[in-house]
PDB file of N, CA and C in Angstrom:
ATOM      1  N   MET A   1       0.867  -1.137   0.039  1.00  0.00           N
ATOM      2  CA  MET A   1      -0.004  -0.004   0.016  1.00  0.00           C
ATOM      3  C   MET A   1       0.914   1.209  -0.019  1.00  0.00           C
ATOM      4  N   ALA A   2       0.623   2.198  -0.871  1.00  0.00           N
ATOM      5  CA  ALA A   2       1.355   3.373  -0.929  1.00  0.00           C
ATOM      6  C   ALA A   2       1.086   4.333   0.148  1.00  0.00           C
ATOM      7  N   ILE A   3       2.058   5.176   0.444  1.00  0.00           N
ATOM      8  CA  ILE A   3       1.963   6.109   1.572  1.00  0.00           C
ATOM      9  C   ILE A   3       0.801   7.068   1.320  1.00  0.00           C
ATOM     10  N   ARG A   4       0.511   7.362   0.084  1.00  0.00           N
ATOM     11  CA  ARG A   4      -0.660   8.202  -0.251  1.00  0.00           C
ATOM     12  C   ARG A   4      -1.944   7.524   0.257  1.00  0.00           C
ATOM     13  N   ASP A   5      -2.088   6.229   0.005  1.00  0.00           N
ATOM     14  CA  ASP A   5      -3.306   5.494   0.425  1.00  0.00           C
ATOM     15  C   ASP A   5      -3.412   5.420   1.945  1.00  0.00           C
ATOM     16  N   GLU A   6      -2.272   5.260   2.576  1.00  0.00           N
ATOM     17  CA  GLU A   6      -2.318   5.244   4.057  1.00  0.00           C
ATOM     18  C   GLU A   6      -2.687   6.618   4.660  1.00  0.00           C
ATOM     19  N   VAL A   7      -2.239   7.713   3.993  1.00  0.00           N
ATOM     20  CA  VAL A   7      -2.609   9.036   4.430  1.00  0.00           C
ATOM     21  C   VAL A   7      -4.073   9.267   4.217  1.00  0.00           C
ATOM     22  N   ALA A   8      -4.557   8.844   3.078  1.00  0.00           N
ATOM     23  CA  ALA A   8      -6.060   8.935   2.747  1.00  0.00           C
ATOM     24  C   ALA A   8      -6.828   8.186   3.804  1.00  0.00           C
ATOM     25  N   ILE A   9      -6.438   7.007   4.062  1.00  0.00           N
ATOM     26  CA  ILE A   9      -7.234   6.221   5.130  1.00  0.00           C
ATOM     27  C   ILE A   9      -7.115   6.905   6.509  1.00  0.00           C
ATOM     28  N   ALA A  10      -5.905   7.437   6.831  1.00  0.00           N
ATOM     29  CA  ALA A  10      -5.832   8.129   8.120  1.00  0.00           C
ATOM     30  C   ALA A  10      -6.695   9.358   8.179  1.00  0.00           C
ATOM     31  N   LEU A  11      -6.739  10.087   7.053  1.00  0.00           N
ATOM     32  CA  LEU A  11      -7.551  11.279   6.958  1.00  0.00           C
ATOM     33  C   LEU A  11      -9.015  10.868   7.128  1.00  0.00           C
ATOM     34  N   LYS A  12      -9.524   9.835   6.437  1.00  0.00           N
ATOM     35  CA  LYS A  12     -10.798   9.422   6.552  1.00  0.00           C
ATOM     36  C   LYS A  12     -11.165   8.987   7.956  1.00  0.00           C
ATOM     37  N   ASN A  13     -10.222   8.358   8.638  1.00  0.00           N
ATOM     38  CA  ASN A  13     -10.483   7.882  10.058  1.00  0.00           C
ATOM     39  C   ASN A  13     -10.548   9.139  10.963  1.00  0.00           C
ATOM     40  N   LEU A  14      -9.701  10.171  10.693  1.00  0.00           N
ATOM     41  CA  LEU A  14      -9.842  11.421  11.454  1.00  0.00           C
ATOM     42  C   LEU A  14     -11.149  12.113  11.208  1.00  0.00           C
ATOM     43  N   ASP A  15     -11.643  12.126   9.939  1.00  0.00           N
ATOM     44  CA  ASP A  15     -12.917  12.691   9.669  1.00  0.00           C
ATOM     45  C   ASP A  15     -14.028  12.005  10.420  1.00  0.00           C
ATOM     46  N   ASN A  16     -13.963  10.681  10.400  1.00  0.00           N
ATOM     47  CA  ASN A  16     -15.016   9.862  11.163  1.00  0.00           C
ATOM     48  C   ASN A  16     -14.953  10.152  12.684  1.00  0.00           C
ATOM     49  N   GLY A  17     -13.718  10.276  13.179  1.00  0.00           N
ATOM     50  CA  GLY A  17     -13.539  10.528  14.606  1.00  0.00           C
ATOM     51  C   GLY A  17     -14.140  11.937  14.970  1.00  0.00           C
ATOM     52  N   ILE A  18     -13.792  12.931  14.100  1.00  0.00           N
ATOM     53  CA  ILE A  18     -14.319  14.247  14.313  1.00  0.00           C
ATOM     54  C   ILE A  18     -15.819  14.262  14.298  1.00  0.00           C
ATOM     55  N   GLY A  19     -16.337  13.565  13.386  1.00  0.00           N
ATOM     56  CA  GLY A  19     -17.852  13.453  13.294  1.00  0.00           C
ATOM     57  C   GLY A  19     -18.470  12.845  14.471  1.00  0.00           C
ATOM     58  N   GLN A  20     -17.805  11.805  15.051  1.00  0.00           N
ATOM     59  CA  GLN A  20     -18.351  11.192  16.307  1.00  0.00           C
ATOM     60  C   GLN A  20     -18.209  12.150  17.458  1.00  0.00           C
ATOM     61  N   VAL A  21     -17.097  12.884  17.521  1.00  0.00           N
ATOM     62  CA  VAL A  21     -16.911  13.876  18.609  1.00  0.00           C
ATOM     63  C   VAL A  21     -17.991  14.943  18.525  1.00  0.00           C
ATOM     64  N   LEU A  22     -18.348  15.361  17.312  1.00  0.00           N
ATOM     65  CA  LEU A  22     -19.315  16.435  17.115  1.00  0.00           C
ATOM     66  C   LEU A  22     -20.692  15.907  17.505  1.00  0.00           C
ATOM     67  N   GLU A  23     -21.015  14.657  17.247  1.00  0.00           N
ATOM     68  CA  GLU A  23     -22.263  14.032  17.699  1.00  0.00           C
ATOM     69  C   GLU A  23     -22.339  14.000  19.178  1.00  0.00           C
ATOM     70  N   VAL A  24     -21.284  13.622  19.846  1.00  0.00           N
ATOM     71  CA  VAL A  24     -21.307  13.498  21.311  1.00  0.00           C
ATOM     72  C   VAL A  24     -21.419  14.945  21.892  1.00  0.00           C
ATOM     73  N   GLN A  25     -20.674  15.939  21.250  1.00  0.00           N
ATOM     74  CA  GLN A  25     -20.806  17.250  21.803  1.00  0.00           C
ATOM     75  C   GLN A  25     -22.296  17.814  21.683  1.00  0.00           C
ATOM     76  N   THR A  26     -22.873  17.475  20.571  1.00  0.00           N
ATOM     77  CA  THR A  26     -24.338  17.825  20.360  1.00  0.00           C
ATOM     78  C   THR A  26     -25.170  17.232  21.446  1.00  0.00           C
ATOM     79  N   GLU A  27     -24.976  15.966  21.654  1.00  0.00           N
ATOM     80  CA  GLU A  27     -25.819  15.302  22.662  1.00  0.00           C
ATOM     81  C   GLU A  27     -25.579  15.857  24.081  1.00  0.00           C
ATOM     82  N   ILE A  28     -24.312  16.172  24.364  1.00  0.00           N
ATOM     83  CA  ILE A  28     -24.039  16.786  25.693  1.00  0.00           C
ATOM     84  C   ILE A  28     -24.639  18.119  25.787  1.00  0.00           C
ATOM     85  N   GLY A  29     -24.566  18.882  24.735  1.00  0.00           N
ATOM     86  CA  GLY A  29     -25.155  20.316  24.735  1.00  0.00           C
ATOM     87  C   GLY A  29     -26.711  20.164  24.947  1.00  0.00           C
ATOM     88  N   ALA A  30     -27.340  19.232  24.325  1.00  0.00           N
ATOM     89  CA  ALA A  30     -28.771  19.054  24.488  1.00  0.00           C
ATOM     90  C   ALA A  30     -29.090  18.687  25.953  1.00  0.00           C
ATOM     91  N   ARG A  31     -28.249  17.812  26.558  1.00  0.00           N
ATOM     92  CA  ARG A  31     -28.425  17.401  27.937  1.00  0.00           C
ATOM     93  C   ARG A  31     -28.276  18.583  28.909  1.00  0.00           C
ATOM     94  N   LEU A  32     -27.267  19.401  28.613  1.00  0.00           N
ATOM     95  CA  LEU A  32     -27.021  20.603  29.395  1.00  0.00           C
ATOM     96  C   LEU A  32     -28.174  21.561  29.370  1.00  0.00           C
ATOM     97  N   ASN A  33     -28.729  21.710  28.119  1.00  0.00           N
ATOM     98  CA  ASN A  33     -29.886  22.563  27.947  1.00  0.00           C
ATOM     99  C   ASN A  33     -31.068  22.095  28.833  1.00  0.00           C
ATOM    100  N   LEU A  34     -31.252  20.768  28.825  1.00  0.00           N
ATOM    101  CA  LEU A  34     -32.332  20.177  29.613  1.00  0.00           C
ATOM    102  C   LEU A  34     -32.057  20.435  31.088  1.00  0.00           C
ATOM    103  N   VAL A  35     -30.849  20.254  31.535  1.00  0.00           N
ATOM    104  CA  VAL A  35     -30.510  20.466  32.916  1.00  0.00           C
ATOM    105  C   VAL A  35     -30.767  21.900  33.310  1.00  0.00           C
ATOM    106  N   GLU A  36     -30.373  22.859  32.471  1.00  0.00           N
ATOM    107  CA  GLU A  36     -30.613  24.291  32.754  1.00  0.00           C
ATOM    108  C   GLU A  36     -32.077  24.646  32.788  1.00  0.00           C
ATOM    109  N   THR A  37     -32.794  24.048  31.876  1.00  0.00           N
ATOM    110  CA  THR A  37     -34.295  24.318  31.879  1.00  0.00           C
ATOM    111  C   THR A  37     -34.891  23.736  33.153  1.00  0.00           C
ATOM    112  N   THR A  38     -34.463  22.556  33.527  1.00  0.00           N
ATOM    113  CA  THR A  38     -34.934  21.911  34.771  1.00  0.00           C
ATOM    114  C   THR A  38     -34.627  22.759  35.955  1.00  0.00           C
ATOM    115  N   GLU A  39     -33.475  23.272  36.001  1.00  0.00           N
ATOM    116  CA  GLU A  39     -33.079  24.159  37.125  1.00  0.00           C
ATOM    117  C   GLU A  39     -33.951  25.354  37.270  1.00  0.00           C
ATOM    118  N   VAL A  40     -34.180  25.990  36.059  1.00  0.00           N
ATOM    119  CA  VAL A  40     -35.085  27.193  36.067  1.00  0.00           C
ATOM    120  C   VAL A  40     -36.419  26.797  36.540  1.00  0.00           C
ATOM    121  N   ASP A  41     -36.980  25.708  36.009  1.00  0.00           N
ATOM    122  CA  ASP A  41     -38.280  25.277  36.350  1.00  0.00           C
ATOM    123  C   ASP A  41     -38.371  25.013  37.900  1.00  0.00           C
ATOM    124  N   ASN A  42     -37.332  24.312  38.426  1.00  0.00           N
ATOM    125  CA  ASN A  42     -37.284  24.041  39.825  1.00  0.00           C
ATOM    126  C   ASN A  42     -37.293  25.330  40.686  1.00  0.00           C
ATOM    127  N   GLU A  43     -36.550  26.306  40.232  1.00  0.00           N
ATOM    128  CA  GLU A  43     -36.469  27.560  40.946  1.00  0.00           C
ATOM    129  C   GLU A  43     -37.848  28.247  40.921  1.00  0.00           C
ATOM    130  N   ASP A  44     -38.556  28.192  39.825  1.00  0.00           N
ATOM    131  CA  ASP A  44     -39.868  28.773  39.775  1.00  0.00           C
ATOM    132  C   ASP A  44     -40.855  28.073  40.716  1.00  0.00           C
ATOM    133  N   VAL A  45     -40.767  26.740  40.700  1.00  0.00           N
ATOM    134  CA  VAL A  45     -41.662  25.941  41.612  1.00  0.00           C
ATOM    135  C   VAL A  45     -41.311  26.281  43.012  1.00  0.00           C
ATOM    136  N   THR A  46     -40.052  26.445  43.321  1.00  0.00           N
ATOM    137  CA  THR A  46     -39.656  26.761  44.708  1.00  0.00           C
ATOM    138  C   THR A  46     -40.263  28.098  45.190  1.00  0.00           C
ATOM    139  N   LEU A  47     -40.173  29.077  44.227  1.00  0.00           N
ATOM    140  CA  LEU A  47     -40.663  30.394  44.533  1.00  0.00           C
ATOM    141  C   LEU A  47     -42.174  30.369  44.783  1.00  0.00           C
ATOM    142  N   VAL A  48     -42.910  29.613  43.950  1.00  0.00           N
ATOM    143  CA  VAL A  48     -44.395  29.490  44.105  1.00  0.00           C
ATOM    144  C   VAL A  48     -44.682  28.794  45.402  1.00  0.00           C
ATOM    145  N   ASN A  49     -43.901  27.752  45.685  1.00  0.00           N
ATOM    146  CA  ASN A  49     -44.122  27.008  46.944  1.00  0.00           C
ATOM    147  C   ASN A  49     -43.957  27.881  48.162  1.00  0.00           C
ATOM    148  N   LYS A  50     -42.966  28.726  48.121  1.00  0.00           N
ATOM    149  CA  LYS A  50     -42.667  29.588  49.273  1.00  0.00           C
ATOM    150  C   LYS A  50     -43.804  30.587  49.380  1.00  0.00           C
ATOM    151  N   ALA A  51     -44.257  31.104  48.232  1.00  0.00           N
ATOM    152  CA  ALA A  51     -45.409  32.087  48.314  1.00  0.00           C
ATOM    153  C   ALA A  51     -46.673  31.480  48.903  1.00  0.00           C
ATOM    154  N   VAL A  52     -46.954  30.220  48.455  1.00  0.00           N
ATOM    155  CA  VAL A  52     -48.206  29.520  48.907  1.00  0.00           C
ATOM    156  C   VAL A  52     -48.003  29.222  50.401  1.00  0.00           C
ATOM    157  N   GLN A  53     -46.844  28.864  50.865  1.00  0.00           N
ATOM    158  CA  GLN A  53     -46.614  28.631  52.263  1.00  0.00           C
ATOM    159  C   GLN A  53     -46.855  29.890  53.112  1.00  0.00           C
ATOM    160  N   ALA A  54     -46.334  31.018  52.576  1.00  0.00           N
ATOM    161  CA  ALA A  54     -46.476  32.318  53.306  1.00  0.00           C
ATOM    162  C   ALA A  54     -47.917  32.672  53.311  1.00  0.00           C
ATOM    163  N   ASP A  55     -48.700  32.511  52.202  1.00  0.00           N
ATOM    164  CA  ASP A  55     -50.101  32.768  52.235  1.00  0.00           C
ATOM    165  C   ASP A  55     -50.803  31.890  53.252  1.00  0.00           C
ATOM    166  N   LEU A  56     -50.492  30.666  53.288  1.00  0.00           N
ATOM    167  CA  LEU A  56     -51.138  29.754  54.270  1.00  0.00           C
ATOM    168  C   LEU A  56     -50.891  30.154  55.666  1.00  0.00           C
ATOM    169  N   ARG A  57     -49.667  30.570  56.010  1.00  0.00           N
ATOM    170  CA  ARG A  57     -49.308  31.006  57.315  1.00  0.00           C
ATOM    171  C   ARG A  57     -50.167  32.280  57.709  1.00  0.00           C
ATOM    172  N   GLU A  58     -50.359  33.147  56.783  1.00  0.00           N
ATOM    173  CA  GLU A  58     -51.031  34.389  57.032  1.00  0.00           C
ATOM    174  C   GLU A  58     -52.548  34.333  56.845  1.00  0.00           C
ATOM    175  N   LEU A  59     -53.070  33.188  56.507  1.00  0.00           N
ATOM    176  CA  LEU A  59     -54.456  33.010  56.121  1.00  0.00           C
ATOM    177  C   LEU A  59     -55.346  33.300  57.363  1.00  0.00           C
ATOM    178  N   ASP A  60     -56.329  34.130  57.115  1.00  0.00           N
ATOM    179  CA  ASP A  60     -57.435  34.277  58.108  1.00  0.00           C
ATOM    180  C   ASP A  60     -58.559  33.301  57.789  1.00  0.00           C
ATOM    181  N   TYR A  61     -58.568  32.246  58.512  1.00  0.00           N
ATOM    182  CA  TYR A  61     -59.508  31.147  58.239  1.00  0.00           C
ATOM    183  C   TYR A  61     -60.970  31.575  58.271  1.00  0.00           C
ATOM    184  N   ALA A  62     -61.284  32.441  59.149  1.00  0.00           N
ATOM    185  CA  ALA A  62     -62.706  32.901  59.190  1.00  0.00           C
ATOM    186  C   ALA A  62     -63.053  33.677  57.937  1.00  0.00           C
ATOM    187  N   GLU A  63     -62.165  34.592  57.496  1.00  0.00           N
ATOM    188  CA  GLU A  63     -62.406  35.304  56.317  1.00  0.00           C
ATOM    189  C   GLU A  63     -62.462  34.399  55.040  1.00  0.00           C
ATOM    190  N   ALA A  64     -61.539  33.414  55.083  1.00  0.00           N
ATOM    191  CA  ALA A  64     -61.483  32.467  53.911  1.00  0.00           C
ATOM    192  C   ALA A  64     -62.756  31.677  53.871  1.00  0.00           C
ATOM    193  N   LEU A  65     -63.274  31.192  54.967  1.00  0.00           N
ATOM    194  CA  LEU A  65     -64.517  30.444  54.978  1.00  0.00           C
ATOM    195  C   LEU A  65     -65.635  31.248  54.550  1.00  0.00           C
ATOM    196  N   SER A  66     -65.663  32.531  55.007  1.00  0.00           N
ATOM    197  CA  SER A  66     -66.756  33.440  54.566  1.00  0.00           C
ATOM    198  C   SER A  66     -66.711  33.675  53.056  1.00  0.00           C
ATOM    199  N   ARG A  67     -65.553  33.900  52.468  1.00  0.00           N
ATOM    200  CA  ARG A  67     -65.432  34.065  51.098  1.00  0.00           C
ATOM    201  C   ARG A  67     -65.770  32.826  50.270  1.00  0.00           C
ATOM    202  N   LEU A  68     -65.429  31.700  50.777  1.00  0.00           N
ATOM    203  CA  LEU A  68     -65.854  30.388  50.220  1.00  0.00           C
ATOM    204  C   LEU A  68     -67.335  30.200  50.180  1.00  0.00           C
ATOM    205  N   SER A  69     -67.980  30.479  51.308  1.00  0.00           N
ATOM    206  CA  SER A  69     -69.441  30.352  51.376  1.00  0.00           C
ATOM    207  C   SER A  69     -70.055  31.302  50.408  1.00  0.00           C
ATOM    208  N   PHE A  70     -69.589  32.498  50.370  1.00  0.00           N
ATOM    209  CA  PHE A  70     -70.140  33.542  49.357  1.00  0.00           C
ATOM    210  C   PHE A  70     -70.014  33.041  47.964  1.00  0.00           C
ATOM    211  N   GLN A  71     -68.804  32.601  47.662  1.00  0.00           N
ATOM    212  CA  GLN A  71     -68.586  32.171  46.290  1.00  0.00           C
ATOM    213  C   GLN A  71     -69.427  30.880  45.902  1.00  0.00           C
ATOM    214  N   THR A  72     -69.709  30.107  46.905  1.00  0.00           N
ATOM    215  CA  THR A  72     -70.539  28.913  46.654  1.00  0.00           C
ATOM    216  C   THR A  72     -71.969  29.308  46.377  1.00  0.00           C
ATOM    217  N   ILE A  73     -72.415  30.330  47.113  1.00  0.00           N
ATOM    218  CA  ILE A  73     -73.743  30.818  46.913  1.00  0.00           C
ATOM    219  C   ILE A  73     -73.834  31.421  45.486  1.00  0.00           C
ATOM    220  N   ILE A  74     -72.917  32.187  45.061  1.00  0.00           N
ATOM    221  CA  ILE A  74     -72.887  32.776  43.734  1.00  0.00           C
ATOM    222  C   ILE A  74     -72.909  31.632  42.721  1.00  0.00           C
ATOM    223  N   LEU A  75     -72.032  30.612  42.869  1.00  0.00           N
ATOM    224  CA  LEU A  75     -71.898  29.578  41.920  1.00  0.00           C
ATOM    225  C   LEU A  75     -73.335  28.824  41.802  1.00  0.00           C
ATOM    226  N   GLU A  76     -73.966  28.527  42.945  1.00  0.00           N
ATOM    227  CA  GLU A  76     -75.245  27.879  42.878  1.00  0.00           C
ATOM    228  C   GLU A  76     -76.274  28.705  42.220  1.00  0.00           C
ATOM    229  N   ALA A  77     -76.274  29.942  42.429  1.00  0.00           N
ATOM    230  CA  ALA A  77     -77.236  30.932  41.797  1.00  0.00           C
ATOM    231  C   ALA A  77     -77.026  30.982  40.277  1.00  0.00           C
ATOM    232  N   ALA A  78     -75.731  30.930  39.860  1.00  0.00           N
ATOM    233  CA  ALA A  78     -75.479  30.990  38.489  1.00  0.00           C
ATOM    234  C   ALA A  78     -75.839  29.624  37.820  1.00  0.00           C
ATOM    235  N   GLN A  79     -75.686  28.532  38.479  1.00  0.00           N
ATOM    236  CA  GLN A  79     -76.089  27.200  37.957  1.00  0.00           C
ATOM    237  C   GLN A  79     -77.568  27.168  37.853  1.00  0.00           C
ATOM    238  N   GLN A  80     -78.330  27.596  38.765  1.00  0.00           N
ATOM    239  CA  GLN A  80     -79.821  27.624  38.749  1.00  0.00           C
ATOM    240  C   GLN A  80     -80.300  28.569  37.677  1.00  0.00           C
ATOM    241  N   SER A  81     -79.668  29.701  37.477  1.00  0.00           N
ATOM    242  CA  SER A  81     -80.070  30.626  36.411  1.00  0.00           C
ATOM    243  C   SER A  81     -79.823  29.923  35.060  1.00  0.00           C
ATOM    244  N   TYR A  82     -78.693  29.339  34.871  1.00  0.00           N
ATOM    245  CA  TYR A  82     -78.326  28.625  33.619  1.00  0.00           C
ATOM    246  C   TYR A  82     -79.429  27.539  33.299  1.00  0.00           C
ATOM    247  N   VAL A  83     -79.780  26.774  34.307  1.00  0.00           N
ATOM    248  CA  VAL A  83     -80.756  25.690  34.114  1.00  0.00           C
ATOM    249  C   VAL A  83     -82.104  26.291  33.614  1.00  0.00           C
ATOM    250  N   LYS A  84     -82.520  27.407  34.262  1.00  0.00           N
ATOM    251  CA  LYS A  84     -83.770  28.065  33.881  1.00  0.00           C
ATOM    252  C   LYS A  84     -83.656  28.640  32.516  1.00  0.00           C
ATOM    253  N   ILE A  85     -82.577  29.348  32.230  1.00  0.00           N
ATOM    254  CA  ILE A  85     -82.433  29.926  30.857  1.00  0.00           C
ATOM    255  C   ILE A  85     -82.344  28.871  29.798  1.00  0.00           C
ATOM    256  N   ALA A  86     -81.559  27.819  30.064  1.00  0.00           N
ATOM    257  CA  ALA A  86     -81.468  26.719  29.032  1.00  0.00           C
ATOM    258  C   ALA A  86     -82.808  26.059  28.853  1.00  0.00           C
ATOM    259  N   GLY A  87     -83.582  25.930  29.880  1.00  0.00           N
ATOM    260  CA  GLY A  87     -84.900  25.242  29.840  1.00  0.00           C
ATOM    261  C   GLY A  87     -85.866  26.157  28.989  1.00  0.00           C
ATOM    262  N   LEU A  88     -85.786  27.449  29.162  1.00  0.00           N
ATOM    263  CA  LEU A  88     -86.627  28.365  28.396  1.00  0.00           C
ATOM    264  C   LEU A  88     -86.294  28.288  26.889  1.00  0.00           C
ATOM    265  N   ASN A  89     -85.029  28.341  26.607  1.00  0.00           N
ATOM    266  CA  ASN A  89     -84.586  28.282  25.234  1.00  0.00           C
ATOM    267  C   ASN A  89     -85.104  26.973  24.573  1.00  0.00           C
ATOM    268  N   LEU A  90     -84.979  25.864  25.258  1.00  0.00           N
ATOM    269  CA  LEU A  90     -85.403  24.625  24.692  1.00  0.00           C
ATOM    270  C   LEU A  90     -86.885  24.575  24.553  1.00  0.00           C
ATOM    271  N   PHE A  91     -87.595  25.139  25.535  1.00  0.00           N
ATOM    272  CA  PHE A  91     -89.076  25.186  25.484  1.00  0.00           C
ATOM    273  C   PHE A  91     -89.513  26.033  24.326  1.00  0.00           C
ATOM    274  N   ASN A  92     -88.878  27.208  24.170  1.00  0.00           N
ATOM    275  CA  ASN A  92     -89.272  28.119  23.054  1.00  0.00           C
ATOM    276  C   ASN A  92     -88.986  27.490  21.719  1.00  0.00           C
ATOM    277  N   GLN A  93     -87.989  26.693  21.597  1.00  0.00           N
ATOM    278  CA  GLN A  93     -87.622  26.035  20.319  1.00  0.00           C
ATOM    279  C   GLN A  93     -88.677  24.934  19.971  1.00  0.00           C
ATOM    280  N   LEU A  94     -89.261  24.353  20.929  1.00  0.00           N
ATOM    281  CA  LEU A  94     -90.228  23.226  20.661  1.00  0.00           C
ATOM    282  C   LEU A  94     -91.568  23.796  20.206  1.00  0.00           C
ATOM    283  N   ARG A  95     -91.916  25.037  20.448  1.00  0.00           N
ATOM    284  CA  ARG A  95     -93.160  25.584  20.040  1.00  0.00           C
ATOM    285  C   ARG A  95     -93.341  25.712  18.543  1.00  0.00           C
TER     286      ARG A  95
END
């Protein structure tokens, strides 16, 4: 085998090796991006968690129960109104 052929084979092997290194670098970069995204998401969740915990510590349970009762009354009234309105529309369409 001539020296030229051996050099060509060596260059081809180097090209293949460089290609494999680039593939691994790409995979590592993708994994690093995933890690960074996960870290940011984790920080966001931690902030929300701390805010919720603070809200719960400062919660006035009597006021919260009062608001919940009021909102329940409003929801039930809206549901009853919807049933009446939907019934009227259906009744009017049957005429």
